[in-house]
Amino acid sequence: MTITFFLIRHAAHDNVGGYLAGRSSGVRLGEAGLAQAARLGARMTRECFDAIYASPRERTQETAFAIASASGGMAVEITEALDEVDFGTWSGNSFETLNSDPLWRQWNTIRSLTRTPGGENMLDVQRRVLSLMEELAVRHDEGAIVLVSHADVIKTAVSHVLGMPIDAWPRFDISPASITTVVSGTWGAKLLTLNEVIS
């Protein structure tokens, strides 16, 4: 049994890098993000895959629908296991505001031992995404699956595959509309591509 996972970060919303969108509702792709998602969809037509799963956030669904549309109108299944980190009360705050919060600074130093206010720590996130991947590997047996999610969620999966601690997250990037490819089987898992950027 061998299965390929295309781990895709959503395209950029208009204020990416300006504030922590988190699980805030109504964060959608703007004109530039929609164009980026369309280019990503065109890129994914070079791949064969059996299913598309996406986080419940609007920006991930819009990205997933662009891929589905380019690939013949495949259905998109929404799953909470791919949802953004639950940042609790931090969601919606500007990074300028967050940088004055000692807990935010601690979160960015040692995420494995820090819980967001009213939310998750990164080990929680890693458990849910790996559980989903294990479940999908059994459900789909052979083939390939697209998972459209968020940067930190994808980083937890990559860290696991590479045998890196969860706190190694700053050592690599997961850019908007990027593709990271993982192959998994009874023999284990390996990383084929990391952060292929669709400009």
N, C-alpha and C. Protein backbone atom coordinates (compact mmCIF):
# COMPACT_ATOMS: atom_id res chain seq x y z
N MET A 1 0.84 -1.20 0.00
CA MET A 1 0.00 0.00 0.00
C MET A 1 0.87 1.25 0.00
N THR A 2 0.74 2.07 -1.02
CA THR A 2 1.48 3.33 -1.11
C THR A 2 0.51 4.43 -1.51
N ILE A 3 0.55 5.54 -0.80
CA ILE A 3 -0.34 6.65 -1.11
C ILE A 3 0.46 7.96 -1.11
N THR A 4 0.11 8.82 -2.04
CA THR A 4 0.76 10.13 -2.15
C THR A 4 -0.18 11.20 -1.62
N PHE A 5 0.36 12.07 -0.79
CA PHE A 5 -0.38 13.21 -0.28
C PHE A 5 0.22 14.49 -0.86
N PHE A 6 -0.61 15.28 -1.52
CA PHE A 6 -0.23 16.62 -1.93
C PHE A 6 -0.73 17.58 -0.85
N LEU A 7 0.18 18.07 -0.03
CA LEU A 7 -0.16 18.98 1.06
C LEU A 7 -0.07 20.40 0.51
N ILE A 8 -1.20 21.06 0.40
CA ILE A 8 -1.26 22.36 -0.27
C ILE A 8 -1.72 23.43 0.70
N ARG A 9 -0.94 24.49 0.78
CA ARG A 9 -1.37 25.65 1.56
C ARG A 9 -2.29 26.51 0.68
N HIS A 10 -3.30 27.06 1.30
CA HIS A 10 -4.23 27.94 0.58
C HIS A 10 -3.50 29.12 -0.06
N ALA A 11 -4.08 29.68 -1.08
CA ALA A 11 -3.54 30.89 -1.71
C ALA A 11 -3.65 32.05 -0.72
N ALA A 12 -2.96 33.13 -1.02
CA ALA A 12 -2.86 34.25 -0.08
C ALA A 12 -4.13 35.10 -0.07
N HIS A 13 -4.57 35.44 1.13
CA HIS A 13 -5.62 36.45 1.25
C HIS A 13 -4.96 37.83 1.21
N ASP A 14 -5.75 38.87 1.15
CA ASP A 14 -5.21 40.21 0.85
C ASP A 14 -4.28 40.76 1.93
N ASN A 15 -4.44 40.32 3.18
CA ASN A 15 -3.62 40.88 4.26
C ASN A 15 -2.76 39.81 4.92
N VAL A 16 -2.33 38.82 4.13
CA VAL A 16 -1.48 37.78 4.70
C VAL A 16 -0.19 38.43 5.21
N GLY A 17 0.21 38.08 6.41
CA GLY A 17 1.38 38.68 7.03
C GLY A 17 1.08 39.93 7.83
N GLY A 18 -0.15 40.45 7.71
CA GLY A 18 -0.51 41.65 8.45
C GLY A 18 -1.18 41.36 9.78
N TYR A 19 -1.92 40.27 9.82
CA TYR A 19 -2.59 39.89 11.06
C TYR A 19 -2.77 38.38 11.08
N LEU A 20 -3.11 37.85 12.26
CA LEU A 20 -3.30 36.42 12.43
C LEU A 20 -4.74 36.08 12.09
N ALA A 21 -4.97 35.57 10.89
CA ALA A 21 -6.34 35.25 10.48
C ALA A 21 -6.92 34.13 11.33
N GLY A 22 -6.11 33.09 11.58
CA GLY A 22 -6.57 31.99 12.40
C GLY A 22 -7.87 31.40 11.88
N ARG A 23 -8.82 31.23 12.80
CA ARG A 23 -10.13 30.68 12.44
C ARG A 23 -11.19 31.77 12.30
N SER A 24 -10.76 33.02 12.14
CA SER A 24 -11.72 34.10 11.93
C SER A 24 -12.56 33.80 10.69
N SER A 25 -13.84 34.10 10.77
CA SER A 25 -14.71 33.86 9.62
C SER A 25 -14.58 35.00 8.62
N GLY A 26 -14.92 34.71 7.37
CA GLY A 26 -14.96 35.72 6.34
C GLY A 26 -13.63 36.09 5.74
N VAL A 27 -12.56 35.33 6.03
CA VAL A 27 -11.25 35.62 5.43
C VAL A 27 -11.19 34.88 4.10
N ARG A 28 -11.39 35.62 3.04
CA ARG A 28 -11.49 35.04 1.70
C ARG A 28 -10.31 35.49 0.83
N LEU A 29 -10.17 34.84 -0.29
CA LEU A 29 -9.13 35.24 -1.24
C LEU A 29 -9.59 36.48 -1.99
N GLY A 30 -8.68 37.44 -2.12
CA GLY A 30 -8.95 38.61 -2.94
C GLY A 30 -8.64 38.30 -4.40
N GLU A 31 -8.60 39.33 -5.20
CA GLU A 31 -8.35 39.15 -6.64
C GLU A 31 -7.01 38.47 -6.90
N ALA A 32 -5.97 38.92 -6.20
CA ALA A 32 -4.64 38.33 -6.41
C ALA A 32 -4.62 36.88 -5.94
N GLY A 33 -5.26 36.59 -4.81
CA GLY A 33 -5.30 35.23 -4.29
C GLY A 33 -6.08 34.29 -5.19
N LEU A 34 -7.18 34.77 -5.75
CA LEU A 34 -7.96 33.94 -6.67
C LEU A 34 -7.15 33.61 -7.93
N ALA A 35 -6.38 34.58 -8.41
CA ALA A 35 -5.52 34.34 -9.57
C ALA A 35 -4.43 33.33 -9.21
N GLN A 36 -3.89 33.45 -8.02
CA GLN A 36 -2.87 32.51 -7.54
C GLN A 36 -3.47 31.09 -7.45
N ALA A 37 -4.70 30.98 -6.92
CA ALA A 37 -5.36 29.69 -6.81
C ALA A 37 -5.62 29.09 -8.19
N ALA A 38 -5.96 29.93 -9.17
CA ALA A 38 -6.18 29.44 -10.54
C ALA A 38 -4.89 28.88 -11.11
N ARG A 39 -3.76 29.55 -10.86
CA ARG A 39 -2.47 29.04 -11.34
C ARG A 39 -2.13 27.72 -10.66
N LEU A 40 -2.45 27.62 -9.38
CA LEU A 40 -2.23 26.37 -8.65
C LEU A 40 -3.08 25.25 -9.24
N GLY A 41 -4.34 25.57 -9.54
CA GLY A 41 -5.21 24.58 -10.17
C GLY A 41 -4.65 24.09 -11.49
N ALA A 42 -4.13 25.02 -12.31
CA ALA A 42 -3.52 24.63 -13.58
C ALA A 42 -2.31 23.74 -13.36
N ARG A 43 -1.51 24.08 -12.35
CA ARG A 43 -0.33 23.24 -12.04
C ARG A 43 -0.75 21.83 -11.64
N MET A 44 -1.83 21.70 -10.87
CA MET A 44 -2.24 20.38 -10.38
C MET A 44 -2.85 19.50 -11.46
N THR A 45 -3.15 20.06 -12.63
CA THR A 45 -3.64 19.21 -13.72
C THR A 45 -2.55 18.26 -14.22
N ARG A 46 -1.32 18.53 -13.84
CA ARG A 46 -0.22 17.63 -14.22
C ARG A 46 -0.15 16.40 -13.33
N GLU A 47 -0.97 16.36 -12.27
CA GLU A 47 -0.95 15.26 -11.32
C GLU A 47 -2.24 14.45 -11.42
N CYS A 48 -2.15 13.18 -11.05
CA CYS A 48 -3.34 12.33 -10.94
C CYS A 48 -3.66 12.15 -9.46
N PHE A 49 -4.88 12.43 -9.07
CA PHE A 49 -5.28 12.24 -7.68
C PHE A 49 -6.75 11.84 -7.63
N ASP A 50 -7.10 11.20 -6.52
CA ASP A 50 -8.41 10.56 -6.40
C ASP A 50 -9.41 11.36 -5.57
N ALA A 51 -8.95 12.28 -4.76
CA ALA A 51 -9.85 13.01 -3.87
C ALA A 51 -9.20 14.31 -3.43
N ILE A 52 -10.05 15.26 -3.03
CA ILE A 52 -9.59 16.55 -2.50
C ILE A 52 -10.28 16.78 -1.17
N TYR A 53 -9.48 17.06 -0.15
CA TYR A 53 -10.00 17.39 1.18
C TYR A 53 -9.50 18.79 1.55
N ALA A 54 -10.33 19.54 2.26
CA ALA A 54 -9.95 20.90 2.61
C ALA A 54 -10.40 21.24 4.03
N SER A 55 -9.70 22.18 4.60
CA SER A 55 -10.07 22.78 5.89
C SER A 55 -11.40 23.52 5.75
N PRO A 56 -12.11 23.76 6.85
CA PRO A 56 -13.38 24.49 6.78
C PRO A 56 -13.24 25.99 6.49
N ARG A 57 -12.03 26.54 6.54
CA ARG A 57 -11.87 27.99 6.32
C ARG A 57 -12.19 28.35 4.87
N GLU A 58 -12.76 29.53 4.67
CA GLU A 58 -13.15 29.98 3.32
C GLU A 58 -11.98 29.99 2.36
N ARG A 59 -10.81 30.45 2.83
CA ARG A 59 -9.66 30.60 1.94
C ARG A 59 -9.14 29.24 1.45
N THR A 60 -9.25 28.21 2.30
CA THR A 60 -8.82 26.88 1.85
C THR A 60 -9.84 26.28 0.89
N GLN A 61 -11.12 26.51 1.17
CA GLN A 61 -12.15 25.97 0.28
C GLN A 61 -12.07 26.60 -1.11
N GLU A 62 -11.84 27.92 -1.16
CA GLU A 62 -11.71 28.59 -2.45
C GLU A 62 -10.52 28.04 -3.23
N THR A 63 -9.43 27.76 -2.52
CA THR A 63 -8.25 27.19 -3.17
C THR A 63 -8.54 25.78 -3.66
N ALA A 64 -9.20 24.99 -2.82
CA ALA A 64 -9.54 23.61 -3.20
C ALA A 64 -10.49 23.58 -4.38
N PHE A 65 -11.47 24.49 -4.41
CA PHE A 65 -12.42 24.52 -5.51
C PHE A 65 -11.74 24.90 -6.83
N ALA A 66 -10.70 25.75 -6.75
CA ALA A 66 -9.94 26.09 -7.96
C ALA A 66 -9.23 24.86 -8.51
N ILE A 67 -8.67 24.05 -7.62
CA ILE A 67 -8.01 22.81 -8.04
C ILE A 67 -9.04 21.84 -8.63
N ALA A 68 -10.17 21.71 -7.93
CA ALA A 68 -11.22 20.80 -8.39
C ALA A 68 -11.76 21.21 -9.75
N SER A 69 -11.97 22.51 -9.94
CA SER A 69 -12.50 23.00 -11.20
C SER A 69 -11.54 22.72 -12.35
N ALA A 70 -10.25 22.95 -12.11
CA ALA A 70 -9.26 22.71 -13.15
C ALA A 70 -9.11 21.24 -13.48
N SER A 71 -9.49 20.39 -12.53
CA SER A 71 -9.31 18.94 -12.70
C SER A 71 -10.60 18.21 -13.03
N GLY A 72 -11.59 18.95 -13.57
CA GLY A 72 -12.79 18.31 -14.05
C GLY A 72 -13.98 18.33 -13.12
N GLY A 73 -13.92 19.18 -12.09
CA GLY A 73 -15.08 19.33 -11.22
C GLY A 73 -15.19 18.29 -10.12
N MET A 74 -14.07 17.74 -9.68
CA MET A 74 -14.07 16.78 -8.59
C MET A 74 -14.67 17.40 -7.33
N ALA A 75 -15.36 16.60 -6.53
CA ALA A 75 -15.94 17.08 -5.28
C ALA A 75 -14.84 17.41 -4.27
N VAL A 76 -15.12 18.37 -3.40
CA VAL A 76 -14.21 18.74 -2.32
C VAL A 76 -14.87 18.35 -1.01
N GLU A 77 -14.18 17.54 -0.21
CA GLU A 77 -14.70 17.14 1.09
C GLU A 77 -14.07 18.00 2.17
N ILE A 78 -14.90 18.57 3.03
CA ILE A 78 -14.42 19.44 4.10
C ILE A 78 -14.20 18.62 5.37
N THR A 79 -13.05 18.82 6.01
CA THR A 79 -12.75 18.09 7.24
C THR A 79 -12.09 19.02 8.27
N GLU A 80 -12.57 18.94 9.50
CA GLU A 80 -12.02 19.77 10.57
C GLU A 80 -10.59 19.37 10.92
N ALA A 81 -10.18 18.16 10.55
CA ALA A 81 -8.82 17.73 10.86
C ALA A 81 -7.77 18.57 10.16
N LEU A 82 -8.16 19.25 9.06
CA LEU A 82 -7.23 20.11 8.33
C LEU A 82 -7.36 21.57 8.71
N ASP A 83 -8.20 21.87 9.70
CA ASP A 83 -8.46 23.25 10.06
C ASP A 83 -7.20 23.95 10.55
N GLU A 84 -7.24 25.27 10.46
CA GLU A 84 -6.15 26.10 10.98
C GLU A 84 -5.96 25.82 12.47
N VAL A 85 -4.78 26.11 12.98
CA VAL A 85 -4.54 26.03 14.42
C VAL A 85 -5.63 26.84 15.14
N ASP A 86 -6.13 26.29 16.22
CA ASP A 86 -7.08 27.05 17.05
C ASP A 86 -6.26 28.01 17.91
N PHE A 87 -6.18 29.27 17.46
CA PHE A 87 -5.40 30.28 18.17
C PHE A 87 -6.19 30.95 19.29
N GLY A 88 -7.41 30.50 19.53
CA GLY A 88 -8.20 31.08 20.61
C GLY A 88 -8.39 32.57 20.42
N THR A 89 -8.15 33.33 21.49
CA THR A 89 -8.39 34.77 21.47
C THR A 89 -7.38 35.55 20.65
N TRP A 90 -6.33 34.88 20.16
CA TRP A 90 -5.36 35.57 19.30
C TRP A 90 -5.89 35.80 17.89
N SER A 91 -6.84 34.98 17.45
CA SER A 91 -7.33 35.10 16.07
C SER A 91 -7.85 36.50 15.79
N GLY A 92 -7.45 37.05 14.65
CA GLY A 92 -7.91 38.37 14.24
C GLY A 92 -7.03 39.51 14.71
N ASN A 93 -6.04 39.24 15.58
CA ASN A 93 -5.16 40.29 16.07
C ASN A 93 -4.02 40.57 15.10
N SER A 94 -3.58 41.81 15.08
CA SER A 94 -2.42 42.16 14.25
C SER A 94 -1.16 41.57 14.88
N PHE A 95 -0.14 41.32 14.06
CA PHE A 95 1.11 40.81 14.60
C PHE A 95 1.79 41.86 15.47
N GLU A 96 1.55 43.12 15.19
CA GLU A 96 2.10 44.18 16.04
C GLU A 96 1.56 44.05 17.46
N THR A 97 0.27 43.80 17.58
CA THR A 97 -0.34 43.61 18.90
C THR A 97 0.17 42.34 19.55
N LEU A 98 0.22 41.26 18.79
CA LEU A 98 0.64 39.98 19.34
C LEU A 98 2.09 40.01 19.84
N ASN A 99 2.93 40.75 19.17
CA ASN A 99 4.34 40.79 19.56
C ASN A 99 4.56 41.39 20.95
N SER A 100 3.56 42.08 21.48
CA SER A 100 3.68 42.63 22.83
C SER A 100 3.17 41.67 23.91
N ASP A 101 2.67 40.51 23.49
CA ASP A 101 2.12 39.52 24.41
C ASP A 101 3.20 38.49 24.76
N PRO A 102 3.59 38.38 26.05
CA PRO A 102 4.63 37.41 26.44
C PRO A 102 4.28 35.97 26.06
N LEU A 103 2.99 35.61 26.13
CA LEU A 103 2.61 34.25 25.77
C LEU A 103 2.83 34.00 24.28
N TRP A 104 2.58 35.00 23.44
CA TRP A 104 2.84 34.87 22.00
C TRP A 104 4.33 34.65 21.75
N ARG A 105 5.16 35.40 22.47
CA ARG A 105 6.61 35.23 22.30
C ARG A 105 7.03 33.83 22.76
N GLN A 106 6.42 33.34 23.85
CA GLN A 106 6.72 31.98 24.31
C GLN A 106 6.27 30.94 23.29
N TRP A 107 5.09 31.16 22.70
CA TRP A 107 4.55 30.26 21.66
C TRP A 107 5.53 30.13 20.50
N ASN A 108 6.16 31.22 20.12
CA ASN A 108 7.08 31.19 18.99
C ASN A 108 8.48 30.73 19.37
N THR A 109 8.69 30.45 20.66
CA THR A 109 9.96 29.90 21.13
C THR A 109 9.88 28.40 21.35
N ILE A 110 8.78 27.96 21.99
CA ILE A 110 8.63 26.54 22.30
C ILE A 110 7.17 26.13 22.18
N ARG A 111 6.74 25.89 20.95
CA ARG A 111 5.33 25.59 20.68
C ARG A 111 4.89 24.24 21.24
N SER A 112 5.83 23.32 21.42
CA SER A 112 5.45 22.00 21.92
C SER A 112 4.93 22.07 23.36
N LEU A 113 5.30 23.09 24.09
CA LEU A 113 4.91 23.20 25.50
C LEU A 113 4.05 24.43 25.77
N THR A 114 3.61 25.10 24.72
CA THR A 114 2.80 26.31 24.90
C THR A 114 1.44 26.12 24.23
N ARG A 115 0.41 26.45 24.97
CA ARG A 115 -0.95 26.36 24.44
C ARG A 115 -1.46 27.77 24.14
N THR A 116 -2.09 27.91 22.99
CA THR A 116 -2.68 29.21 22.65
C THR A 116 -3.81 29.51 23.64
N PRO A 117 -4.15 30.78 23.86
CA PRO A 117 -5.17 31.13 24.86
C PRO A 117 -6.55 30.62 24.46
N GLY A 118 -6.97 29.54 25.11
CA GLY A 118 -8.26 28.95 24.79
C GLY A 118 -8.23 28.03 23.59
N GLY A 119 -7.03 27.65 23.13
CA GLY A 119 -6.93 26.86 21.91
C GLY A 119 -6.02 25.64 22.04
N GLU A 120 -5.18 25.42 21.02
CA GLU A 120 -4.37 24.21 20.91
C GLU A 120 -2.89 24.50 21.10
N ASN A 121 -2.12 23.43 21.31
CA ASN A 121 -0.68 23.52 21.06
C ASN A 121 -0.37 22.71 19.80
N MET A 122 0.86 22.77 19.34
CA MET A 122 1.17 22.19 18.04
C MET A 122 1.14 20.65 18.05
N LEU A 123 1.31 20.05 19.21
CA LEU A 123 1.20 18.60 19.28
C LEU A 123 -0.25 18.16 19.07
N ASP A 124 -1.21 18.97 19.54
CA ASP A 124 -2.62 18.71 19.26
C ASP A 124 -2.86 18.73 17.75
N VAL A 125 -2.30 19.75 17.10
CA VAL A 125 -2.48 19.91 15.65
C VAL A 125 -1.87 18.73 14.91
N GLN A 126 -0.67 18.35 15.31
CA GLN A 126 0.02 17.24 14.65
C GLN A 126 -0.78 15.93 14.79
N ARG A 127 -1.33 15.69 15.97
CA ARG A 127 -2.11 14.46 16.18
C ARG A 127 -3.31 14.39 15.24
N ARG A 128 -4.01 15.51 15.09
CA ARG A 128 -5.22 15.44 14.26
C ARG A 128 -4.90 15.29 12.77
N VAL A 129 -3.86 15.96 12.29
CA VAL A 129 -3.56 15.84 10.86
C VAL A 129 -2.97 14.46 10.54
N LEU A 130 -2.14 13.92 11.42
CA LEU A 130 -1.58 12.59 11.18
C LEU A 130 -2.65 11.52 11.28
N SER A 131 -3.60 11.69 12.19
CA SER A 131 -4.72 10.74 12.29
C SER A 131 -5.54 10.73 11.01
N LEU A 132 -5.76 11.92 10.44
CA LEU A 132 -6.48 12.00 9.17
C LEU A 132 -5.72 11.30 8.07
N MET A 133 -4.43 11.55 7.96
CA MET A 133 -3.63 10.93 6.91
C MET A 133 -3.62 9.41 7.05
N GLU A 134 -3.55 8.92 8.27
CA GLU A 134 -3.60 7.47 8.50
C GLU A 134 -4.96 6.91 8.06
N GLU A 135 -6.03 7.61 8.42
CA GLU A 135 -7.38 7.18 8.04
C GLU A 135 -7.55 7.16 6.52
N LEU A 136 -7.07 8.22 5.86
CA LEU A 136 -7.23 8.32 4.41
C LEU A 136 -6.38 7.29 3.67
N ALA A 137 -5.23 6.94 4.24
CA ALA A 137 -4.39 5.92 3.62
C ALA A 137 -5.11 4.58 3.58
N VAL A 138 -5.88 4.29 4.63
CA VAL A 138 -6.66 3.05 4.67
C VAL A 138 -7.86 3.15 3.72
N ARG A 139 -8.53 4.31 3.74
CA ARG A 139 -9.74 4.48 2.93
C ARG A 139 -9.45 4.44 1.44
N HIS A 140 -8.34 5.06 1.02
CA HIS A 140 -8.04 5.17 -0.40
C HIS A 140 -7.04 4.12 -0.88
N ASP A 141 -6.38 3.46 0.04
CA ASP A 141 -5.48 2.34 -0.23
C ASP A 141 -4.30 2.75 -1.11
N GLU A 142 -4.52 2.86 -2.41
CA GLU A 142 -3.46 3.28 -3.33
C GLU A 142 -3.89 4.58 -4.00
N GLY A 143 -2.96 5.29 -4.59
CA GLY A 143 -3.33 6.49 -5.32
C GLY A 143 -2.77 7.74 -4.70
N ALA A 144 -3.51 8.84 -4.86
CA ALA A 144 -3.04 10.15 -4.39
C ALA A 144 -4.21 10.98 -3.92
N ILE A 145 -3.95 11.85 -2.96
CA ILE A 145 -4.98 12.68 -2.35
C ILE A 145 -4.43 14.10 -2.19
N VAL A 146 -5.27 15.09 -2.44
CA VAL A 146 -4.93 16.49 -2.21
C VAL A 146 -5.51 16.91 -0.86
N LEU A 147 -4.67 17.50 -0.01
CA LEU A 147 -5.10 18.03 1.27
C LEU A 147 -4.80 19.53 1.28
N VAL A 148 -5.83 20.37 1.32
CA VAL A 148 -5.63 21.82 1.29
C VAL A 148 -5.81 22.34 2.72
N SER A 149 -4.74 22.93 3.25
CA SER A 149 -4.75 23.31 4.66
C SER A 149 -3.98 24.60 4.87
N HIS A 150 -3.29 24.70 5.99
CA HIS A 150 -2.64 25.93 6.44
C HIS A 150 -1.17 25.65 6.75
N ALA A 151 -0.37 26.69 6.75
CA ALA A 151 1.09 26.53 6.87
C ALA A 151 1.51 25.72 8.08
N ASP A 152 1.03 26.11 9.27
CA ASP A 152 1.47 25.43 10.48
C ASP A 152 0.99 23.99 10.54
N VAL A 153 -0.18 23.73 9.99
CA VAL A 153 -0.71 22.36 9.96
C VAL A 153 0.19 21.49 9.09
N ILE A 154 0.52 21.99 7.92
CA ILE A 154 1.40 21.25 7.02
C ILE A 154 2.78 21.05 7.65
N LYS A 155 3.27 22.05 8.35
CA LYS A 155 4.58 21.94 8.99
C LYS A 155 4.62 20.80 10.00
N THR A 156 3.52 20.57 10.72
CA THR A 156 3.53 19.48 11.70
C THR A 156 3.67 18.13 11.00
N ALA A 157 3.01 17.97 9.84
CA ALA A 157 3.11 16.71 9.11
C ALA A 157 4.52 16.51 8.56
N VAL A 158 5.08 17.57 8.00
CA VAL A 158 6.44 17.48 7.45
C VAL A 158 7.44 17.17 8.56
N SER A 159 7.31 17.81 9.70
CA SER A 159 8.22 17.56 10.82
C SER A 159 8.18 16.09 11.23
N HIS A 160 6.97 15.52 11.24
CA HIS A 160 6.85 14.10 11.60
C HIS A 160 7.55 13.22 10.58
N VAL A 161 7.32 13.46 9.31
CA VAL A 161 7.92 12.63 8.25
C VAL A 161 9.45 12.69 8.32
N LEU A 162 9.97 13.86 8.62
CA LEU A 162 11.42 14.04 8.66
C LEU A 162 12.04 13.68 10.01
N GLY A 163 11.20 13.29 10.97
CA GLY A 163 11.72 12.95 12.29
C GLY A 163 12.26 14.15 13.05
N MET A 164 11.70 15.33 12.77
CA MET A 164 12.14 16.57 13.41
C MET A 164 11.20 16.91 14.56
N PRO A 165 11.71 17.56 15.60
CA PRO A 165 10.83 17.99 16.69
C PRO A 165 9.85 19.05 16.20
N ILE A 166 8.73 19.15 16.85
CA ILE A 166 7.70 20.11 16.46
C ILE A 166 8.22 21.54 16.54
N ASP A 167 9.21 21.77 17.41
CA ASP A 167 9.76 23.12 17.56
C ASP A 167 10.75 23.49 16.47
N ALA A 168 10.93 22.62 15.49
CA ALA A 168 11.80 22.93 14.34
C ALA A 168 11.05 23.69 13.26
N TRP A 169 9.82 24.12 13.53
CA TRP A 169 8.99 24.75 12.50
C TRP A 169 9.62 25.96 11.81
N PRO A 170 10.50 26.77 12.46
CA PRO A 170 11.05 27.91 11.72
C PRO A 170 12.12 27.53 10.68
N ARG A 171 12.52 26.27 10.62
CA ARG A 171 13.63 25.87 9.76
C ARG A 171 13.24 25.72 8.29
N PHE A 172 11.95 25.75 7.99
CA PHE A 172 11.53 25.66 6.58
C PHE A 172 10.24 26.44 6.39
N ASP A 173 9.98 26.81 5.15
CA ASP A 173 8.80 27.61 4.81
C ASP A 173 7.73 26.76 4.14
N ILE A 174 6.49 27.15 4.37
CA ILE A 174 5.35 26.65 3.62
C ILE A 174 4.62 27.90 3.12
N SER A 175 4.84 28.24 1.87
CA SER A 175 4.35 29.50 1.31
C SER A 175 2.91 29.37 0.82
N PRO A 176 2.20 30.50 0.68
CA PRO A 176 0.85 30.45 0.10
C PRO A 176 0.86 29.78 -1.27
N ALA A 177 -0.14 28.93 -1.51
CA ALA A 177 -0.31 28.22 -2.78
C ALA A 177 0.86 27.30 -3.11
N SER A 178 1.55 26.82 -2.09
CA SER A 178 2.66 25.90 -2.32
C SER A 178 2.21 24.45 -2.23
N ILE A 179 3.00 23.58 -2.83
CA ILE A 179 2.73 22.14 -2.84
C ILE A 179 3.89 21.42 -2.15
N THR A 180 3.56 20.60 -1.17
CA THR A 180 4.53 19.73 -0.50
C THR A 180 4.04 18.30 -0.68
N THR A 181 4.89 17.42 -1.15
CA THR A 181 4.46 16.08 -1.51
C THR A 181 5.10 15.03 -0.60
N VAL A 182 4.24 14.19 -0.02
CA VAL A 182 4.67 13.12 0.88
C VAL A 182 4.13 11.80 0.34
N VAL A 183 4.97 10.78 0.35
CA VAL A 183 4.54 9.43 -0.01
C VAL A 183 4.61 8.57 1.24
N SER A 184 3.55 7.79 1.47
CA SER A 184 3.45 6.97 2.68
C SER A 184 3.08 5.55 2.32
N GLY A 185 3.64 4.59 3.05
CA GLY A 185 3.31 3.19 2.85
C GLY A 185 3.59 2.40 4.10
N THR A 186 3.45 1.09 4.01
CA THR A 186 3.70 0.24 5.17
C THR A 186 5.16 0.31 5.60
N TRP A 187 6.01 0.77 4.72
CA TRP A 187 7.44 0.91 4.98
C TRP A 187 7.77 2.22 5.69
N GLY A 188 6.81 3.12 5.80
CA GLY A 188 7.05 4.42 6.41
C GLY A 188 6.60 5.55 5.50
N ALA A 189 7.28 6.68 5.58
CA ALA A 189 6.91 7.83 4.76
C ALA A 189 8.17 8.60 4.38
N LYS A 190 8.09 9.30 3.24
CA LYS A 190 9.22 10.13 2.84
C LYS A 190 8.70 11.38 2.15
N LEU A 191 9.50 12.43 2.22
CA LEU A 191 9.18 13.71 1.61
C LEU A 191 9.74 13.75 0.20
N LEU A 192 8.88 13.99 -0.79
CA LEU A 192 9.34 14.08 -2.18
C LEU A 192 9.65 15.51 -2.58
N THR A 193 8.75 16.44 -2.22
CA THR A 193 8.99 17.86 -2.53
C THR A 193 8.57 18.69 -1.33
N LEU A 194 9.22 19.82 -1.17
CA LEU A 194 8.91 20.72 -0.06
C LEU A 194 8.70 22.14 -0.61
N ASN A 195 7.52 22.69 -0.35
CA ASN A 195 7.27 24.11 -0.62
C ASN A 195 7.51 24.48 -2.08
N GLU A 196 6.96 23.68 -3.00
CA GLU A 196 6.99 24.08 -4.42
C GLU A 196 6.06 25.28 -4.57
N VAL A 197 6.60 26.41 -4.89
CA VAL A 197 5.83 27.65 -4.89
C VAL A 197 5.23 27.91 -6.27
N ILE A 198 3.94 28.22 -6.28
CA ILE A 198 3.24 28.61 -7.49
C ILE A 198 3.12 30.13 -7.47
N SER A 199 3.90 30.81 -8.26
CA SER A 199 3.94 32.28 -8.21
C SER A 199 2.76 32.90 -8.93
